[in-house]
N, C-alpha and C. Protein backbone atom coordinates (compact mmCIF):
# COMPACT_ATOMS: atom_id res chain seq x y z
N MET A 1 177.05 72.03 19.06
CA MET A 1 176.97 71.90 17.96
C MET A 1 178.37 71.38 17.56
N VAL A 2 179.60 71.54 18.23
CA VAL A 2 180.68 70.83 17.69
C VAL A 2 180.53 69.12 18.41
N GLU A 3 179.57 68.79 19.78
CA GLU A 3 179.55 67.38 19.60
C GLU A 3 178.57 67.05 18.65
N ARG A 4 177.25 67.51 18.26
CA ARG A 4 176.62 66.87 16.97
C ARG A 4 178.02 66.62 15.75
N PHE A 5 178.65 67.73 15.38
CA PHE A 5 179.87 67.55 14.36
C PHE A 5 180.80 65.98 14.47
N PHE A 6 181.11 66.14 15.87
CA PHE A 6 181.55 64.58 15.88
C PHE A 6 180.99 63.90 15.57
N ARG A 7 179.85 63.48 16.57
CA ARG A 7 178.65 62.58 16.33
C ARG A 7 178.71 62.18 14.93
N TYR A 8 177.98 62.93 13.89
CA TYR A 8 177.98 62.71 12.71
C TYR A 8 179.07 62.21 11.74
N ILE A 9 180.33 62.59 12.13
CA ILE A 9 181.57 61.83 11.76
C ILE A 9 181.73 60.65 12.54
N THR A 10 181.47 60.82 13.59
CA THR A 10 182.02 59.51 13.76
C THR A 10 181.07 58.41 13.47
N VAL A 11 179.89 58.28 13.35
CA VAL A 11 178.79 57.70 12.27
C VAL A 11 179.16 57.52 10.82
N TYR A 12 179.53 58.39 10.35
CA TYR A 12 179.88 58.29 9.12
C TYR A 12 181.12 57.50 8.90
N LEU A 13 182.22 57.54 9.93
CA LEU A 13 183.59 57.12 9.56
C LEU A 13 183.30 54.92 10.23
N ARG A 14 182.89 55.04 11.60
CA ARG A 14 182.58 53.86 11.89
C ARG A 14 182.53 52.32 11.37
N ASP A 15 181.47 52.41 10.24
CA ASP A 15 181.50 51.09 9.50
C ASP A 15 182.52 51.16 8.28
N GLY A 16 183.50 52.35 8.47
CA GLY A 16 184.69 52.01 7.23
C GLY A 16 185.41 51.45 7.89
N ARG A 17 186.22 51.04 6.77
CA ARG A 17 187.58 49.90 7.03
C ARG A 17 188.30 50.37 6.38
N PHE A 18 189.97 50.86 6.82
CA PHE A 18 190.55 52.05 6.30
C PHE A 18 192.11 50.93 6.45
N ALA A 19 192.96 50.78 5.35
CA ALA A 19 193.57 50.59 5.48
C ALA A 19 195.04 50.93 5.31
N SER A 20 194.87 52.22 5.37
CA SER A 20 195.95 53.35 5.63
C SER A 20 195.73 54.82 5.97
N VAL A 21 196.16 55.55 6.82
CA VAL A 21 195.67 56.48 7.14
C VAL A 21 195.31 57.36 5.76
N ARG A 22 196.05 57.52 4.77
CA ARG A 22 195.37 58.30 3.66
C ARG A 22 194.29 57.86 3.63
N GLU A 23 193.79 56.75 3.11
CA GLU A 23 192.16 56.47 3.19
C GLU A 23 191.26 56.69 4.31
N LEU A 24 191.97 56.78 5.30
CA LEU A 24 191.08 57.14 6.56
C LEU A 24 190.96 58.95 6.29
N GLU A 25 191.93 59.25 5.78
CA GLU A 25 192.07 60.91 5.62
C GLU A 25 191.18 61.23 4.17
N SER A 26 190.97 60.00 2.82
CA SER A 26 190.47 60.54 2.33
C SER A 26 188.72 60.81 2.40
N SER A 27 188.36 59.70 3.50
CA SER A 27 187.15 59.45 3.66
C SER A 27 186.61 60.38 4.78
N ILE A 28 187.60 61.21 5.62
CA ILE A 28 187.46 62.36 6.52
C ILE A 28 186.68 63.70 5.05
N THR A 29 187.84 63.83 4.14
CA THR A 29 187.52 64.99 2.95
C THR A 29 186.09 64.63 2.68
N THR A 30 186.10 63.28 2.12
CA THR A 30 184.63 63.50 1.68
C THR A 30 183.54 63.75 2.39
N PHE A 31 183.63 63.28 3.69
CA PHE A 31 182.38 63.76 4.80
C PHE A 31 182.54 64.97 4.73
N MET A 32 183.56 65.89 4.89
CA MET A 32 183.44 67.41 4.69
C MET A 32 182.89 67.96 3.44
N ALA A 33 183.19 67.06 2.23
CA ALA A 33 182.76 67.88 1.19
C ALA A 33 181.38 67.90 1.03
N LEU A 34 180.68 66.52 1.11
CA LEU A 34 179.40 65.73 1.30
C LEU A 34 178.57 67.21 2.49
N ARG A 35 179.06 67.69 3.87
CA ARG A 35 178.33 68.11 4.49
C ARG A 35 178.31 69.60 4.06
N ASN A 36 179.62 69.77 3.56
CA ASN A 36 179.05 71.41 2.97
C ASN A 36 178.49 71.57 1.83
N THR A 37 177.99 70.95 1.14
CA THR A 37 176.95 70.72 0.12
C THR A 37 175.64 71.78 0.43
N GLN A 38 175.52 71.41 1.56
CA GLN A 38 174.22 72.02 2.34
C GLN A 38 174.36 72.12 3.55
N PRO A 39 175.17 73.27 3.55
CA PRO A 39 175.74 73.78 5.15
C PRO A 39 173.95 74.88 5.73
N THR A 40 174.23 74.25 6.75
CA THR A 40 172.73 74.54 8.19
C THR A 40 173.78 75.79 8.98
N ARG A 41 173.21 76.97 8.78
CA ARG A 41 173.47 77.73 9.80
C ARG A 41 173.25 77.62 11.52
N TYR A 42 173.91 77.54 12.18
CA TYR A 42 173.66 77.25 13.43
C TYR A 42 173.04 78.80 14.31
N VAL A 43 172.18 78.42 15.07
CA VAL A 43 171.17 79.54 15.87
C VAL A 43 171.21 79.22 17.02
N TRP A 44 172.06 80.44 18.06
CA TRP A 44 172.02 80.20 19.39
C TRP A 44 170.79 80.16 19.59
N ASN A 45 170.44 79.56 20.52
CA ASN A 45 168.77 79.71 20.91
C ASN A 45 168.85 79.40 22.52
N VAL A 46 170.16 79.47 23.56
CA VAL A 46 170.17 79.55 24.74
C VAL A 46 170.40 80.87 25.13
N LYS A 47 169.62 81.34 26.22
CA LYS A 47 169.85 82.46 26.90
C LYS A 47 170.79 82.82 27.80
N GLY A 48 171.46 83.58 27.88
CA GLY A 48 172.94 83.80 28.25
C GLY A 48 172.79 83.45 29.52
N GLU A 49 171.66 83.93 30.25
CA GLU A 49 171.81 83.77 31.83
C GLU A 49 171.97 82.28 32.07
N LYS A 50 171.03 81.92 31.35
CA LYS A 50 171.35 79.96 31.56
C LYS A 50 172.20 79.45 31.07
N PHE A 51 173.18 79.58 30.40
CA PHE A 51 174.45 79.09 29.90
C PHE A 51 175.02 79.70 30.88
N LEU A 52 175.42 80.60 31.67
CA LEU A 52 176.35 81.30 32.47
C LEU A 52 176.43 80.38 33.76
N ASN A 53 174.61 80.17 33.85
CA ASN A 53 174.63 79.32 35.55
C ASN A 53 175.21 77.83 35.01
N LYS A 54 174.94 77.67 33.81
CA LYS A 54 175.56 76.17 33.59
C LYS A 54 177.26 75.80 33.85
N ILE A 55 177.60 77.31 33.37
CA ILE A 55 179.16 77.71 33.26
C ILE A 55 179.57 77.82 35.11
N GLN A 56 178.63 78.17 35.90
CA GLN A 56 179.00 78.26 37.13
C GLN A 56 178.68 77.00 37.92
N ARG A 57 178.08 76.36 36.97
CA ARG A 57 177.62 75.01 38.10
C ARG A 57 178.58 73.97 37.91
N ALA A 58 179.53 74.01 36.61
CA ALA A 58 180.62 73.10 36.02
C ALA A 58 181.43 73.73 36.79
N ARG A 59 181.81 75.20 36.93
CA ARG A 59 182.99 75.33 37.73
C ARG A 59 183.10 74.75 39.25
N GLU A 60 181.33 74.71 39.75
CA GLU A 60 181.65 74.31 41.11
C GLU A 60 181.95 72.74 41.48
N VAL A 61 181.28 71.96 40.67
CA VAL A 61 181.54 70.67 40.52
C VAL A 61 183.21 70.65 40.25
N LEU A 62 183.49 71.28 39.55
CA LEU A 62 185.13 70.72 39.28
C LEU A 62 185.78 71.49 40.72
N GLN A 63 185.46 72.38 41.17
CA GLN A 63 186.15 72.98 42.15
C GLN A 63 186.23 71.42 43.75
N ALA A 64 184.49 71.23 43.83
CA ALA A 64 184.74 69.97 44.49
C ALA A 64 185.47 68.58 43.93
N VAL A 65 185.70 68.85 42.98
CA VAL A 65 186.40 67.47 42.83
C VAL A 65 187.92 67.71 42.81
N GLN A 66 188.59 68.34 42.80
CA GLN A 66 189.84 68.89 42.63
C GLN A 66 189.71 69.21 44.48
N ALA A 67 189.05 69.50 45.36
CA ALA A 67 189.14 69.63 47.10
C ALA A 67 189.18 68.03 47.14
N VAL A 68 188.74 67.30 46.63
CA VAL A 68 188.55 66.28 47.26
C VAL A 68 190.18 65.46 46.71
N GLN A 69 190.07 65.78 45.58
CA GLN A 69 191.74 65.08 45.40
C GLN A 69 192.89 65.46 46.02
N ASP A 70 192.80 66.97 46.34
CA ASP A 70 193.55 67.63 47.13
C ASP A 70 194.02 67.22 48.45
N LYS A 71 193.00 66.45 49.24
CA LYS A 71 192.87 65.70 50.34
C LYS A 71 194.10 64.91 50.69
């Protein structure tokens, strides 16, 4: 869900030309206002076991990378 949010805001801001930080902030505020006019509820549809397995695989990869770096 967070990844989608950042994808949407990136697409929204990508074509913009901002002369100042204030203009960028204003554009972000506008994006949030538009997005909040029709909020959608996030529905979690991943089984807990599948999610935990994914976390375990990520830990194993991280440990393998750290082991290589420690050598």
